[in-house]
Protein backbone atom coordinates (compact mmCIF):
# COMPACT_ATOMS: atom_id res chain seq x y z
CA UNK A 1 -21.79 11.91 1.23
CA UNK A 2 -24.57 9.59 -0.81
CA UNK A 3 -25.18 10.66 -4.50
CA UNK A 4 -29.44 10.17 -3.27
CA UNK A 5 -28.61 13.25 -0.75
CA UNK A 6 -28.72 16.71 -1.35
CA UNK A 7 -25.97 18.37 -0.59
CA UNK A 8 -27.59 21.69 0.85
CA UNK A 9 -31.08 20.36 3.20
CA UNK A 10 -29.85 16.37 3.23
CA UNK A 11 -32.90 15.01 2.17
CA UNK A 12 -33.07 12.08 -0.19
CA UNK A 13 -35.60 13.75 -3.01
CA UNK A 14 -33.01 14.23 -5.60
CA UNK A 15 -34.34 16.17 -8.63
CA UNK A 16 -31.66 18.14 -9.91
CA UNK A 17 -27.97 18.21 -10.74
CA UNK A 18 -25.05 21.06 -10.98
CA UNK A 19 -23.58 21.37 -13.64
CA UNK A 20 -20.44 20.70 -12.55
CA UNK A 21 -21.52 17.21 -10.92
CA UNK A 22 -20.00 17.67 -7.77
CA UNK A 23 -23.38 18.62 -6.30
CA UNK A 24 -26.65 17.62 -6.25
CA UNK A 25 -30.18 19.35 -4.73
CA UNK A 26 -33.60 18.42 -4.11
CA UNK A 27 -34.50 21.78 -5.92
CA UNK A 28 -34.01 24.99 -7.15
CA UNK A 29 -34.10 26.87 -3.93
CA UNK A 30 -31.86 24.34 -1.86
CA UNK A 31 -29.78 25.25 -5.01
CA UNK A 32 -29.81 28.77 -4.87
CA UNK A 33 -29.19 28.48 -0.97
CA UNK A 34 -26.04 26.79 -1.48
CA UNK A 35 -24.60 28.51 -4.23
CA UNK A 36 -22.59 31.16 -2.38
CA UNK A 37 -20.76 28.03 -0.82
CA UNK A 38 -20.42 26.17 -3.79
CA UNK A 39 -19.27 28.40 -6.18
CA UNK A 40 -15.70 28.59 -5.59
CA UNK A 41 -15.50 24.79 -5.60
CA UNK A 42 -17.73 25.14 -9.40
CA UNK A 43 -16.14 25.41 -12.31
CA UNK A 44 -17.53 28.32 -14.59
CA UNK A 45 -17.04 25.60 -17.70
CA UNK A 46 -17.77 22.41 -18.90
CA UNK A 47 -15.44 20.36 -21.75
CA UNK A 48 -17.73 19.71 -24.79
CA UNK A 49 -17.72 18.43 -28.44
CA UNK A 50 -17.01 21.77 -30.41
CA UNK A 51 -18.49 21.75 -34.18
CA UNK A 52 -15.40 21.72 -36.70
CA UNK A 53 -12.99 21.99 -33.50
CA UNK A 54 -12.75 18.86 -31.73
CA UNK A 55 -13.10 19.46 -28.08
CA UNK A 56 -13.57 22.77 -26.28
CA UNK A 57 -14.65 24.72 -23.21
CA UNK A 58 -18.02 26.06 -23.02
CA UNK A 59 -19.01 28.48 -20.33
CA UNK A 60 -21.50 27.43 -17.21
CA UNK A 61 -22.43 30.66 -16.16
CA UNK A 62 -22.51 34.25 -17.11
CA UNK A 63 -18.52 35.51 -16.24
CA UNK A 64 -17.57 39.24 -16.01
CA UNK A 65 -15.02 40.81 -17.21
CA UNK A 66 -11.82 40.21 -15.05
CA UNK A 67 -12.90 36.66 -13.48
CA UNK A 68 -11.00 34.00 -13.41
CA UNK A 69 -11.77 30.75 -15.37
CA UNK A 70 -9.01 28.68 -14.81
CA UNK A 71 -5.46 28.08 -12.93
CA UNK A 72 -3.67 25.46 -13.98
CA UNK A 73 -0.53 23.54 -13.23
CA UNK A 74 1.34 21.83 -16.26
CA UNK A 75 1.60 18.16 -16.76
CA UNK A 76 4.69 17.93 -18.58
CA UNK A 77 7.35 20.49 -19.50
CA UNK A 78 9.80 20.71 -22.40
CA UNK A 79 12.84 23.43 -22.78
CA UNK A 80 11.95 25.09 -26.14
CA UNK A 81 15.34 25.49 -27.22
CA UNK A 82 17.51 22.74 -25.64
CA UNK A 83 14.21 19.75 -25.48
CA UNK A 84 14.92 16.60 -23.84
CA UNK A 85 12.92 14.26 -25.18
CA UNK A 86 13.84 11.11 -23.26
CA UNK A 87 13.21 13.61 -19.62
CA UNK A 88 10.17 14.40 -20.81
CA UNK A 89 8.75 10.51 -21.46
CA UNK A 90 10.12 9.78 -18.07
CA UNK A 91 8.01 12.64 -16.60
CA UNK A 92 4.97 11.08 -18.74
CA UNK A 93 5.45 7.95 -17.08
CA UNK A 94 5.66 9.54 -13.68
CA UNK A 95 2.05 10.76 -13.95
CA UNK A 96 -0.78 8.77 -13.00
CA UNK A 97 -2.65 6.26 -15.46
CA UNK A 98 -5.40 8.61 -15.44
CA UNK A 99 -3.34 11.75 -16.92
CA UNK A 100 -1.19 9.57 -19.11
CA UNK A 101 -4.45 8.91 -21.03
CA UNK A 102 -5.92 12.44 -20.68
CA UNK A 103 -2.50 13.63 -22.59
CA UNK A 104 -2.54 10.93 -25.41
CA UNK A 105 -6.33 11.92 -25.85
CA UNK A 106 -5.15 15.46 -26.72
CA UNK A 107 -5.16 16.77 -29.93
CA UNK A 108 -2.79 14.91 -32.76
CA UNK A 109 -2.25 15.97 -36.47
CA UNK A 110 -1.49 12.15 -37.16
CA UNK A 111 -5.01 10.32 -36.23
CA UNK A 112 -3.41 6.25 -37.32
CA UNK A 113 -3.38 3.41 -35.07
CA UNK A 114 -0.08 3.48 -33.34
CA UNK A 115 1.39 0.96 -31.05
CA UNK A 116 2.21 3.07 -27.69
CA UNK A 117 4.09 -0.24 -26.19
CA UNK A 118 6.67 0.91 -28.20
CA UNK A 119 8.81 3.68 -26.76
CA UNK A 120 9.97 4.81 -30.25
CA UNK A 121 6.23 5.43 -31.49
CA UNK A 122 5.33 6.95 -28.00
CA UNK A 123 7.90 9.36 -27.88
CA UNK A 124 7.15 10.71 -31.52
CA UNK A 125 3.27 11.02 -30.32
CA UNK A 126 4.19 12.92 -27.89
CA UNK A 127 6.35 15.48 -29.75
CA UNK A 128 3.29 15.77 -31.72
CA UNK A 129 0.81 16.54 -28.68
CA UNK A 130 3.18 18.90 -27.01
CA UNK A 131 4.29 20.83 -30.78
CA UNK A 132 0.32 21.12 -31.27
CA UNK A 133 -1.04 21.80 -27.51
CA UNK A 134 1.60 23.48 -25.20
CA UNK A 135 1.96 26.53 -23.93
CA UNK A 136 5.54 28.58 -24.63
CA UNK A 137 5.66 30.46 -21.30
CA UNK A 138 7.67 33.54 -21.33
CA UNK A 139 8.95 34.76 -17.55
CA UNK A 140 11.55 37.10 -16.86
CA UNK A 141 14.78 35.26 -15.47
CA UNK A 142 13.29 31.86 -16.34
CA UNK A 143 13.93 29.31 -19.22
CA UNK A 144 11.27 29.57 -22.03
CA UNK A 145 9.41 26.25 -21.77
CA UNK A 146 6.16 24.64 -23.81
CA UNK A 147 4.04 23.30 -20.88
CA UNK A 148 1.43 21.32 -21.19
CA UNK A 149 -2.05 21.83 -19.34
CA UNK A 150 -5.19 19.16 -19.61
CA UNK A 151 -7.70 21.50 -19.76
CA UNK A 152 -6.51 24.94 -20.57
CA UNK A 153 -5.04 22.55 -24.15
CA UNK A 154 -8.78 22.39 -24.85
CA UNK A 155 -9.22 26.20 -25.09
CA UNK A 156 -9.52 26.60 -28.73
CA UNK A 157 -8.77 29.98 -30.85
CA UNK A 158 -10.77 32.66 -32.13
CA UNK A 159 -9.73 36.61 -33.52
CA UNK A 160 -11.81 38.24 -31.02
CA UNK A 161 -11.87 35.91 -27.77
CA UNK A 162 -13.07 36.38 -24.49
CA UNK A 163 -10.60 35.25 -22.61
CA UNK A 164 -7.15 36.15 -22.06
CA UNK A 165 -3.63 33.34 -20.56
CA UNK A 166 -0.53 34.49 -19.23
CA UNK A 167 1.84 31.77 -17.04
CA UNK A 168 2.17 32.42 -13.15
CA UNK A 169 5.40 30.34 -12.19
CA UNK A 170 4.92 28.08 -14.36
CA UNK A 171 1.07 27.36 -13.92
CA UNK A 172 -1.28 29.23 -16.60
CA UNK A 173 -4.01 31.77 -15.22
CA UNK A 174 -7.01 32.62 -17.95
CA UNK A 175 -9.30 35.26 -17.63
CA UNK A 176 -12.20 36.82 -19.01
CA UNK A 177 -11.46 39.55 -21.65
CA UNK A 178 -14.75 40.23 -22.29
CA UNK A 179 -17.87 39.31 -20.97
CA UNK A 180 -19.42 36.09 -21.42
CA UNK A 181 -23.29 34.44 -21.71
CA UNK A 182 -23.91 31.86 -20.81
CA UNK A 183 -22.88 28.35 -23.47
CA UNK A 184 -20.55 30.51 -25.17
CA UNK A 185 -17.54 29.08 -25.75
CA UNK A 186 -14.44 30.45 -24.28
CA UNK A 187 -11.55 31.24 -26.21
CA UNK A 188 -7.97 32.52 -26.19
CA UNK A 189 -6.21 34.31 -29.07
CA UNK A 190 -3.22 31.82 -30.16
CA UNK A 191 -1.69 35.41 -31.67
CA UNK A 192 -1.94 37.84 -29.35
CA UNK A 193 1.04 40.37 -29.07
CA UNK A 194 2.34 40.30 -25.85
CA UNK A 195 2.76 43.47 -23.71
CA UNK A 196 6.69 42.25 -23.42
CA UNK A 197 7.02 42.20 -26.94
CA UNK A 198 4.66 45.41 -27.87
CA UNK A 199 5.15 47.50 -31.06
CA UNK A 200 3.08 50.31 -32.31
CA UNK A 201 1.68 49.80 -35.48
CA UNK A 202 1.14 46.12 -35.05
CA UNK A 203 -2.41 45.58 -33.34
CA UNK A 204 -5.59 44.78 -34.49
CA UNK A 205 -4.00 42.62 -37.10
CA UNK A 206 -6.12 42.29 -40.43
CA UNK A 207 -7.40 39.72 -42.23
CA UNK A 208 -3.95 38.24 -44.16
CA UNK A 209 -1.75 39.82 -40.80
CA UNK A 210 -4.36 36.95 -39.02
CA UNK A 211 -3.80 34.11 -41.77
CA UNK A 212 -0.23 35.03 -41.82
CA UNK A 213 0.38 34.45 -37.94
CA UNK A 214 -1.72 31.25 -37.93
CA UNK A 215 0.23 29.17 -40.94
CA UNK A 216 3.00 27.75 -37.96
CA UNK A 217 -0.37 26.45 -36.09
CA UNK A 218 -1.66 24.70 -38.96
CA UNK A 219 -5.57 25.28 -39.13
CA UNK A 220 -7.78 27.75 -41.21
CA UNK A 221 -9.38 29.55 -38.66
CA UNK A 222 -12.85 30.24 -39.43
CA UNK A 223 -14.16 32.15 -36.43
CA UNK A 224 -16.62 34.76 -37.28
CA UNK A 225 -14.15 37.79 -37.43
CA UNK A 226 -12.67 35.81 -40.05
CA UNK A 227 -15.49 34.48 -42.23
CA UNK A 228 -17.30 38.09 -42.51
CA UNK A 229 -17.61 39.47 -45.91
CA UNK A 230 -16.33 42.60 -46.70
CA UNK A 231 -13.45 45.09 -46.35
CA UNK A 232 -15.11 47.43 -43.71
CA UNK A 233 -13.40 45.01 -40.39
CA UNK A 234 -9.85 45.20 -42.27
CA UNK A 235 -10.69 49.43 -43.33
CA UNK A 236 -11.08 49.90 -39.46
CA UNK A 237 -7.87 47.27 -38.57
CA UNK A 238 -6.11 49.67 -40.61
CA UNK A 239 -6.79 52.71 -39.61
CA UNK A 240 -5.93 51.41 -36.04
CA UNK A 241 -2.24 50.64 -36.96
CA UNK A 242 -2.19 53.79 -38.77
CA UNK A 243 -3.00 55.70 -35.49
CA UNK A 244 -0.78 54.18 -33.35
CA UNK A 245 2.51 54.60 -35.95
CA UNK A 246 0.84 58.66 -35.37
CA UNK A 247 1.17 58.67 -31.72
CA UNK A 248 4.63 58.75 -31.94
CA UNK A 249 4.95 60.81 -35.46
CA UNK A 250 7.97 63.99 -34.01
CA UNK A 251 5.82 66.14 -36.19
CA UNK A 252 2.63 66.62 -33.87
CA UNK A 253 3.60 68.14 -30.90
CA UNK A 254 0.35 69.27 -29.18
CA UNK A 255 -0.72 66.96 -26.33
CA UNK A 256 -4.12 67.83 -27.71
CA UNK A 257 -3.82 66.56 -31.03
CA UNK A 258 -2.23 63.35 -29.47
CA UNK A 259 -4.96 62.52 -27.53
CA UNK A 260 -7.60 63.07 -30.24
CA UNK A 261 -5.66 60.54 -31.86
CA UNK A 262 -5.00 58.14 -28.73
CA UNK A 263 -9.54 58.39 -28.14
CA UNK A 264 -10.46 57.23 -31.63
CA UNK A 265 -7.84 54.51 -31.41
CA UNK A 266 -9.56 53.78 -27.81
CA UNK A 267 -13.24 53.80 -29.82
CA UNK A 268 -11.68 51.20 -33.01
CA UNK A 269 -10.05 49.06 -30.10
CA UNK A 270 -12.68 48.70 -28.57
CA UNK A 271 -15.18 47.76 -31.75
CA UNK A 272 -11.91 45.35 -32.79
CA UNK A 273 -10.12 43.71 -30.44
CA UNK A 274 -10.17 43.90 -26.54
CA UNK A 275 -6.53 42.57 -26.35
CA UNK A 276 -5.11 46.05 -28.05
CA UNK A 277 -7.93 47.97 -25.20
CA UNK A 278 -5.06 48.53 -22.25
CA UNK A 279 -2.54 50.27 -24.52
CA UNK A 280 -4.99 52.49 -26.05
CA UNK A 281 -6.22 52.99 -22.41
CA UNK A 282 -2.45 54.13 -21.53
CA UNK A 283 -2.05 56.37 -23.99
CA UNK A 284 -5.82 57.70 -23.45
CA UNK A 285 -4.84 58.25 -19.63
CA UNK A 286 -1.04 60.08 -19.74
CA UNK A 287 -2.10 62.28 -23.08
CA UNK A 288 -5.38 63.03 -20.67
CA UNK A 289 -3.18 64.06 -18.02
CA UNK A 290 -0.70 66.32 -20.35
CA UNK A 291 -3.67 67.80 -21.33
CA UNK A 292 -5.31 68.53 -18.01
CA UNK A 293 -1.99 69.64 -16.11
CA UNK A 294 -1.11 72.12 -19.56
CA UNK A 295 -5.07 73.55 -18.94
CA UNK A 296 -5.88 73.21 -15.51
CA UNK A 297 -9.00 71.26 -16.58
CA UNK A 298 -10.74 69.70 -13.71
CA UNK A 299 -13.16 67.33 -15.90
CA UNK A 300 -9.72 66.35 -18.00
CA UNK A 301 -8.17 65.15 -14.69
CA UNK A 302 -11.29 63.04 -13.60
CA UNK A 303 -11.24 61.37 -17.27
CA UNK A 304 -7.51 60.63 -17.05
CA UNK A 305 -8.38 58.93 -13.40
CA UNK A 306 -11.06 56.99 -15.39
CA UNK A 307 -8.21 55.78 -17.90
CA UNK A 308 -6.25 54.94 -15.39
CA UNK A 309 -8.35 52.85 -13.53
CA UNK A 310 -9.77 50.66 -16.40
CA UNK A 311 -6.12 50.44 -17.63
CA UNK A 312 -5.11 49.25 -14.39
CA UNK A 313 -8.46 46.21 -14.59
CA UNK A 314 -6.83 45.18 -18.47
CA UNK A 315 -3.39 45.42 -16.85
CA UNK A 316 -4.14 42.50 -14.28
CA UNK A 317 -6.15 40.49 -16.75
CA UNK A 318 -3.28 40.69 -19.14
CA UNK A 319 -0.93 39.13 -16.15
CA UNK A 320 2.55 40.65 -14.99
CA UNK A 321 3.93 41.99 -17.98
CA UNK A 322 1.35 44.53 -18.31
CA UNK A 323 1.27 44.96 -14.57
CA UNK A 324 5.24 45.54 -14.46
CA UNK A 325 4.00 48.31 -17.80
CA UNK A 326 0.88 50.10 -15.62
CA UNK A 327 3.20 50.21 -12.50
CA UNK A 328 5.49 52.06 -14.97
CA UNK A 329 3.85 54.02 -16.51
CA UNK A 330 1.87 55.35 -12.71
CA UNK A 331 5.49 56.75 -12.07
CA UNK A 332 6.42 57.70 -15.53
CA UNK A 333 5.39 61.91 -14.75
CA UNK A 334 4.04 63.90 -18.26
CA UNK A 335 6.70 63.21 -20.36
CA UNK A 336 5.92 62.29 -23.38
CA UNK A 337 5.34 58.71 -24.54
């Protein structure tokens, strides 16, 4: 279609372009009328320069909880345990020239002039790019790999991110973890604990714990959370961790007492770290079931159902490991966790 023609009404009076650049309109009326058709092909983000971070992704519209922001196949895959750099280089040359250029534009810790016609220098650069920009993929039954994505690799870290990502058969799926406003930077946590390796007392890491986890990424996080002054946030995080460990205290036998702990922990999770809300909801859900069955409390049964529904939503956001855990909890019955 000609660039001077409105995508919706096909008139030549062009004055308005969609932020994605894929559609153009003669005005707001046509743009709004075409939105239902255009939305599925319109990326909810744009690549922009982020002060102090290089490039990043910024939301082009408001995004609700659980919305899929991105699904992407890797352009390069490297075994984590048995890296084969000759194979990596061969895969690089098998991509298009445009893809090769985009790969080489990804962040490189060593910003020096290089002769990339020299294969040894090219391999060295590829190693650095993969090391810094790849996303490690853990999938049951599959080899652990470092996957390089052209778009997902641009997502910057934040200690209180608005997105969560997970692998699905090699692809990366990125979903909204908390509501996003238009023009807000889209971020993930590079140090989020996997549901697969969940351990009580390790969620909601403190400032020092986050800094220790980020050392291997070779940057000093300057997110809003890390730049907060005072100890109030860390005190709440320590409270969350202590309560989480108390959930398995053998001396606390009454489900009602454990439920009080779980509810307080969920309150803290909602304020501190959306990534731990899932397991906090599971604790509230299962303990509410036990308390309701013990007291035959209809209200408690209804509250348990609400916790279960929300836990299912967060499981879908966090990915297959969380969905698997959720299904196990569905079939668990009332035994103590």
